[in-house]
Amino acid sequence: QINRIRKSKYKNAVKKMETYIKSKDKEKAKKYFSKFQSILMQVAKSGVVNKKTASRKISRVSKKI
C-alpha cells in the first residue's frame, strides 16, 4: 500500500511537470522543479523507482526548462 502511494506521488509529479512544460509556463515549471526533484529522489530512495530512472527524468526535464 505504501509503495502504491509513493508511486502515485511520483506519477502525479511527472504529469504536473509535463503540463507546465506543454503549456509553455516556464515560470511555474522553474518554481516547481525543486519540489519535483525532491519527490522523485524520495521515491527513488525508498526503492519504488530505480534511482537512475529518477535521475534520467530529472535530467530530461531540466533540459526542457
PDB file of N, CA and C in Angstrom:
ATOM      1  N   GLN A   1       0.814  -1.192   0.000  1.00  0.00           N
ATOM      2  CA  GLN A   1       0.000   0.000   0.000  1.00  0.00           C
ATOM      3  C   GLN A   1       0.862   1.262   0.000  1.00  0.00           C
ATOM      4  N   ILE A   2       1.908   1.237   0.812  1.00  0.00           N
ATOM      5  CA  ILE A   2       2.792   2.404   0.876  1.00  0.00           C
ATOM      6  C   ILE A   2       3.477   2.617  -0.458  1.00  0.00           C
ATOM      7  N   ASN A   3       3.908   1.532  -1.098  1.00  0.00           N
ATOM      8  CA  ASN A   3       4.556   1.648  -2.404  1.00  0.00           C
ATOM      9  C   ASN A   3       3.595   2.231  -3.438  1.00  0.00           C
ATOM     10  N   ARG A   4       2.331   1.850  -3.345  1.00  0.00           N
ATOM     11  CA  ARG A   4       1.330   2.368  -4.282  1.00  0.00           C
ATOM     12  C   ARG A   4       1.164   3.876  -4.099  1.00  0.00           C
ATOM     13  N   ILE A   5       1.150   4.319  -2.858  1.00  0.00           N
ATOM     14  CA  ILE A   5       1.041   5.751  -2.572  1.00  0.00           C
ATOM     15  C   ILE A   5       2.248   6.489  -3.131  1.00  0.00           C
ATOM     16  N   ARG A   6       3.434   5.935  -2.906  1.00  0.00           N
ATOM     17  CA  ARG A   6       4.659   6.577  -3.389  1.00  0.00           C
ATOM     18  C   ARG A   6       4.688   6.633  -4.911  1.00  0.00           C
ATOM     19  N   LYS A   7       4.260   5.541  -5.539  1.00  0.00           N
ATOM     20  CA  LYS A   7       4.281   5.507  -6.995  1.00  0.00           C
ATOM     21  C   LYS A   7       3.296   6.518  -7.585  1.00  0.00           C
ATOM     22  N   SER A   8       2.135   6.673  -6.969  1.00  0.00           N
ATOM     23  CA  SER A   8       1.170   7.648  -7.471  1.00  0.00           C
ATOM     24  C   SER A   8       1.694   9.062  -7.253  1.00  0.00           C
ATOM     25  N   LYS A   9       2.399   9.284  -6.155  1.00  0.00           N
ATOM     26  CA  LYS A   9       3.028  10.584  -5.886  1.00  0.00           C
ATOM     27  C   LYS A   9       4.037  10.914  -6.991  1.00  0.00           C
ATOM     28  N   TYR A  10       4.821   9.919  -7.371  1.00  0.00           N
ATOM     29  CA  TYR A  10       5.819  10.047  -8.439  1.00  0.00           C
ATOM     30  C   TYR A  10       5.150  10.370  -9.773  1.00  0.00           C
ATOM     31  N   LYS A  11       4.117   9.601 -10.104  1.00  0.00           N
ATOM     32  CA  LYS A  11       3.419   9.804 -11.380  1.00  0.00           C
ATOM     33  C   LYS A  11       2.758  11.168 -11.439  1.00  0.00           C
ATOM     34  N   ASN A  12       2.150  11.592 -10.334  1.00  0.00           N
ATOM     35  CA  ASN A  12       1.497  12.900 -10.302  1.00  0.00           C
ATOM     36  C   ASN A  12       2.502  14.019 -10.490  1.00  0.00           C
ATOM     37  N   ALA A  13       3.673  13.882  -9.896  1.00  0.00           N
ATOM     38  CA  ALA A  13       4.715  14.910 -10.039  1.00  0.00           C
ATOM     39  C   ALA A  13       5.169  15.009 -11.490  1.00  0.00           C
ATOM     40  N   VAL A  14       5.347  13.871 -12.134  1.00  0.00           N
ATOM     41  CA  VAL A  14       5.781  13.853 -13.534  1.00  0.00           C
ATOM     42  C   VAL A  14       4.712  14.477 -14.430  1.00  0.00           C
ATOM     43  N   LYS A  15       3.460  14.114 -14.205  1.00  0.00           N
ATOM     44  CA  LYS A  15       2.365  14.660 -15.014  1.00  0.00           C
ATOM     45  C   LYS A  15       2.236  16.170 -14.839  1.00  0.00           C
ATOM     46  N   LYS A  16       2.354  16.623 -13.598  1.00  0.00           N
ATOM     47  CA  LYS A  16       2.231  18.051 -13.317  1.00  0.00           C
ATOM     48  C   LYS A  16       3.338  18.829 -14.027  1.00  0.00           C
ATOM     49  N   MET A  17       4.562  18.306 -13.983  1.00  0.00           N
ATOM     50  CA  MET A  17       5.684  18.966 -14.642  1.00  0.00           C
ATOM     51  C   MET A  17       5.486  18.984 -16.154  1.00  0.00           C
ATOM     52  N   GLU A  18       4.998  17.888 -16.715  1.00  0.00           N
ATOM     53  CA  GLU A  18       4.747  17.827 -18.160  1.00  0.00           C
ATOM     54  C   GLU A  18       3.699  18.848 -18.586  1.00  0.00           C
ATOM     55  N   THR A  19       2.667  19.040 -17.772  1.00  0.00           N
ATOM     56  CA  THR A  19       1.648  20.031 -18.123  1.00  0.00           C
ATOM     57  C   THR A  19       2.226  21.443 -18.092  1.00  0.00           C
ATOM     58  N   TYR A  20       3.090  21.721 -17.128  1.00  0.00           N
ATOM     59  CA  TYR A  20       3.739  23.033 -17.073  1.00  0.00           C
ATOM     60  C   TYR A  20       4.600  23.266 -18.314  1.00  0.00           C
ATOM     61  N   ILE A  21       5.314  22.240 -18.742  1.00  0.00           N
ATOM     62  CA  ILE A  21       6.194  22.376 -19.905  1.00  0.00           C
ATOM     63  C   ILE A  21       5.365  22.527 -21.187  1.00  0.00           C
ATOM     64  N   LYS A  22       4.311  21.726 -21.318  1.00  0.00           N
ATOM     65  CA  LYS A  22       3.474  21.797 -22.522  1.00  0.00           C
ATOM     66  C   LYS A  22       2.736  23.123 -22.633  1.00  0.00           C
ATOM     67  N   SER A  23       2.365  23.693 -21.495  1.00  0.00           N
ATOM     68  CA  SER A  23       1.638  24.970 -21.520  1.00  0.00           C
ATOM     69  C   SER A  23       2.583  26.155 -21.696  1.00  0.00           C
ATOM     70  N   LYS A  24       3.862  25.870 -21.831  1.00  0.00           N
ATOM     71  CA  LYS A  24       4.904  26.880 -22.034  1.00  0.00           C
ATOM     72  C   LYS A  24       4.958  27.874 -20.865  1.00  0.00           C
ATOM     73  N   ASP A  25       4.594  27.396 -19.690  1.00  0.00           N
ATOM     74  CA  ASP A  25       4.633  28.230 -18.490  1.00  0.00           C
ATOM     75  C   ASP A  25       5.950  27.961 -17.759  1.00  0.00           C
ATOM     76  N   LYS A  26       7.011  28.578 -18.253  1.00  0.00           N
ATOM     77  CA  LYS A  26       8.361  28.332 -17.735  1.00  0.00           C
ATOM     78  C   LYS A  26       8.527  28.767 -16.278  1.00  0.00           C
ATOM     79  N   GLU A  27       7.846  29.838 -15.898  1.00  0.00           N
ATOM     80  CA  GLU A  27       7.981  30.344 -14.524  1.00  0.00           C
ATOM     81  C   GLU A  27       7.479  29.313 -13.512  1.00  0.00           C
ATOM     82  N   LYS A  28       6.288  28.772 -13.752  1.00  0.00           N
ATOM     83  CA  LYS A  28       5.737  27.766 -12.839  1.00  0.00           C
ATOM     84  C   LYS A  28       6.586  26.503 -12.856  1.00  0.00           C
ATOM     85  N   ALA A  29       7.075  26.143 -14.037  1.00  0.00           N
ATOM     86  CA  ALA A  29       7.911  24.946 -14.162  1.00  0.00           C
ATOM     87  C   ALA A  29       9.201  25.112 -13.352  1.00  0.00           C
ATOM     88  N   LYS A  30       9.806  26.294 -13.426  1.00  0.00           N
ATOM     89  CA  LYS A  30      11.043  26.547 -12.672  1.00  0.00           C
ATOM     90  C   LYS A  30      10.794  26.534 -11.173  1.00  0.00           C
ATOM     91  N   LYS A  31       9.662  27.097 -10.748  1.00  0.00           N
ATOM     92  CA  LYS A  31       9.328  27.100  -9.327  1.00  0.00           C
ATOM     93  C   LYS A  31       9.065  25.686  -8.819  1.00  0.00           C
ATOM     94  N   TYR A  32       8.402  24.881  -9.625  1.00  0.00           N
ATOM     95  CA  TYR A  32       8.026  23.521  -9.225  1.00  0.00           C
ATOM     96  C   TYR A  32       9.191  22.534  -9.352  1.00  0.00           C
ATOM     97  N   PHE A  33      10.220  22.914 -10.087  1.00  0.00           N
ATOM     98  CA  PHE A  33      11.316  21.985 -10.382  1.00  0.00           C
ATOM     99  C   PHE A  33      11.990  21.435  -9.126  1.00  0.00           C
ATOM    100  N   SER A  34      12.257  22.273  -8.134  1.00  0.00           N
ATOM    101  CA  SER A  34      12.939  21.785  -6.930  1.00  0.00           C
ATOM    102  C   SER A  34      12.067  20.782  -6.179  1.00  0.00           C
ATOM    103  N   LYS A  35      10.762  21.055  -6.115  1.00  0.00           N
ATOM    104  CA  LYS A  35       9.841  20.113  -5.456  1.00  0.00           C
ATOM    105  C   LYS A  35       9.750  18.820  -6.260  1.00  0.00           C
ATOM    106  N   PHE A  36       9.721  18.952  -7.569  1.00  0.00           N
ATOM    107  CA  PHE A  36       9.693  17.799  -8.475  1.00  0.00           C
ATOM    108  C   PHE A  36      10.914  16.905  -8.246  1.00  0.00           C
ATOM    109  N   GLN A  37      12.068  17.550  -8.179  1.00  0.00           N
ATOM    110  CA  GLN A  37      13.315  16.833  -7.962  1.00  0.00           C
ATOM    111  C   GLN A  37      13.289  16.109  -6.614  1.00  0.00           C
ATOM    112  N   SER A  38      12.813  16.778  -5.604  1.00  0.00           N
ATOM    113  CA  SER A  38      12.731  16.227  -4.265  1.00  0.00           C
ATOM    114  C   SER A  38      11.829  14.993  -4.219  1.00  0.00           C
ATOM    115  N   ILE A  39      10.666  15.101  -4.830  1.00  0.00           N
ATOM    116  CA  ILE A  39       9.714  13.980  -4.838  1.00  0.00           C
ATOM    117  C   ILE A  39      10.314  12.773  -5.538  1.00  0.00           C
ATOM    118  N   LEU A  40      10.922  12.987  -6.697  1.00  0.00           N
ATOM    119  CA  LEU A  40      11.497  11.879  -7.452  1.00  0.00           C
ATOM    120  C   LEU A  40      12.611  11.187  -6.679  1.00  0.00           C
ATOM    121  N   MET A  41      13.463  11.957  -6.018  1.00  0.00           N
ATOM    122  CA  MET A  41      14.562  11.342  -5.282  1.00  0.00           C
ATOM    123  C   MET A  41      14.079  10.635  -4.015  1.00  0.00           C
ATOM    124  N   GLN A  42      13.015  11.137  -3.397  1.00  0.00           N
ATOM    125  CA  GLN A  42      12.441  10.453  -2.233  1.00  0.00           C
ATOM    126  C   GLN A  42      11.900   9.089  -2.636  1.00  0.00           C
ATOM    127  N   VAL A  43      11.206   9.056  -3.759  1.00  0.00           N
ATOM    128  CA  VAL A  43      10.633   7.799  -4.248  1.00  0.00           C
ATOM    129  C   VAL A  43      11.744   6.833  -4.649  1.00  0.00           C
ATOM    130  N   ALA A  44      12.794   7.357  -5.273  1.00  0.00           N
ATOM    131  CA  ALA A  44      13.921   6.511  -5.690  1.00  0.00           C
ATOM    132  C   ALA A  44      14.654   5.966  -4.468  1.00  0.00           C
ATOM    133  N   LYS A  45      14.785   6.779  -3.450  1.00  0.00           N
ATOM    134  CA  LYS A  45      15.475   6.377  -2.230  1.00  0.00           C
ATOM    135  C   LYS A  45      14.757   5.214  -1.546  1.00  0.00           C
ATOM    136  N   SER A  46      13.433   5.233  -1.596  1.00  0.00           N
ATOM    137  CA  SER A  46      12.656   4.171  -0.963  1.00  0.00           C
ATOM    138  C   SER A  46      12.644   2.891  -1.801  1.00  0.00           C
ATOM    139  N   GLY A  47      13.097   2.977  -3.057  1.00  0.00           N
ATOM    140  CA  GLY A  47      13.219   1.774  -3.887  1.00  0.00           C
ATOM    141  C   GLY A  47      12.015   1.478  -4.752  1.00  0.00           C
ATOM    142  N   VAL A  48      11.046   2.353  -4.774  1.00  0.00           N
ATOM    143  CA  VAL A  48       9.857   2.121  -5.598  1.00  0.00           C
ATOM    144  C   VAL A  48      10.217   2.281  -7.076  1.00  0.00           C
ATOM    145  N   VAL A  49      11.026   3.288  -7.362  1.00  0.00           N
ATOM    146  CA  VAL A  49      11.515   3.542  -8.715  1.00  0.00           C
ATOM    147  C   VAL A  49      13.041   3.498  -8.645  1.00  0.00           C
ATOM    148  N   ASN A  50      13.644   2.982  -9.690  1.00  0.00           N
ATOM    149  CA  ASN A  50      15.101   2.913  -9.727  1.00  0.00           C
ATOM    150  C   ASN A  50      15.709   4.313  -9.670  1.00  0.00           C
ATOM    151  N   LYS A  51      16.840   4.437  -8.977  1.00  0.00           N
ATOM    152  CA  LYS A  51      17.490   5.734  -8.806  1.00  0.00           C
ATOM    153  C   LYS A  51      17.911   6.342 -10.142  1.00  0.00           C
ATOM    154  N   LYS A  52      18.387   5.502 -11.038  1.00  0.00           N
ATOM    155  CA  LYS A  52      18.823   6.001 -12.349  1.00  0.00           C
ATOM    156  C   LYS A  52      17.641   6.482 -13.186  1.00  0.00           C
ATOM    157  N   THR A  53      16.495   5.836 -13.029  1.00  0.00           N
ATOM    158  CA  THR A  53      15.296   6.260 -13.742  1.00  0.00           C
ATOM    159  C   THR A  53      14.880   7.649 -13.288  1.00  0.00           C
ATOM    160  N   ALA A  54      14.895   7.863 -11.983  1.00  0.00           N
ATOM    161  CA  ALA A  54      14.530   9.170 -11.437  1.00  0.00           C
ATOM    162  C   ALA A  54      15.510  10.241 -11.905  1.00  0.00           C
ATOM    163  N   SER A  55      16.793   9.919 -11.889  1.00  0.00           N
ATOM    164  CA  SER A  55      17.809  10.873 -12.334  1.00  0.00           C
ATOM    165  C   SER A  55      17.636  11.223 -13.801  1.00  0.00           C
ATOM    166  N   ARG A  56      17.297  10.234 -14.605  1.00  0.00           N
ATOM    167  CA  ARG A  56      17.093  10.451 -16.035  1.00  0.00           C
ATOM    168  C   ARG A  56      15.894  11.377 -16.272  1.00  0.00           C
ATOM    169  N   LYS A  57      14.806  11.145 -15.533  1.00  0.00           N
ATOM    170  CA  LYS A  57      13.625  12.007 -15.664  1.00  0.00           C
ATOM    171  C   LYS A  57      13.976  13.448 -15.302  1.00  0.00           C
ATOM    172  N   ILE A  58      14.693  13.629 -14.201  1.00  0.00           N
ATOM    173  CA  ILE A  58      15.092  14.961 -13.749  1.00  0.00           C
ATOM    174  C   ILE A  58      15.952  15.637 -14.803  1.00  0.00           C
ATOM    175  N   SER A  59      16.893  14.903 -15.351  1.00  0.00           N
ATOM    176  CA  SER A  59      17.797  15.445 -16.352  1.00  0.00           C
ATOM    177  C   SER A  59      17.050  15.889 -17.606  1.00  0.00           C
ATOM    178  N   ARG A  60      16.139  15.065 -18.076  1.00  0.00           N
ATOM    179  CA  ARG A  60      15.391  15.397 -19.293  1.00  0.00           C
ATOM    180  C   ARG A  60      14.484  16.598 -19.093  1.00  0.00           C
ATOM    181  N   VAL A  61      13.896  16.693 -17.911  1.00  0.00           N
ATOM    182  CA  VAL A  61      13.049  17.845 -17.623  1.00  0.00           C
ATOM    183  C   VAL A  61      13.861  19.114 -17.536  1.00  0.00           C
ATOM    184  N   SER A  62      15.033  19.026 -16.912  1.00  0.00           N
ATOM    185  CA  SER A  62      15.881  20.220 -16.773  1.00  0.00           C
ATOM    186  C   SER A  62      16.356  20.731 -18.130  1.00  0.00           C
ATOM    187  N   LYS A  63      16.553  19.837 -19.081  1.00  0.00           N
ATOM    188  CA  LYS A  63      16.923  20.256 -20.432  1.00  0.00           C
ATOM    189  C   LYS A  63      15.774  21.019 -21.101  1.00  0.00           C
ATOM    190  N   LYS A  64      14.545  20.593 -20.839  1.00  0.00           N
ATOM    191  CA  LYS A  64      13.383  21.233 -21.453  1.00  0.00           C
ATOM    192  C   LYS A  64      13.110  22.617 -20.866  1.00  0.00           C
ATOM    193  N   ILE A  65      13.497  22.805 -19.608  1.00  0.00           N
ATOM    194  CA  ILE A  65      13.260  24.112 -18.950  1.00  0.00           C
ATOM    195  C   ILE A  65      14.301  25.064 -19.357  1.00  0.00           C
TER     196      ILE A  65
END
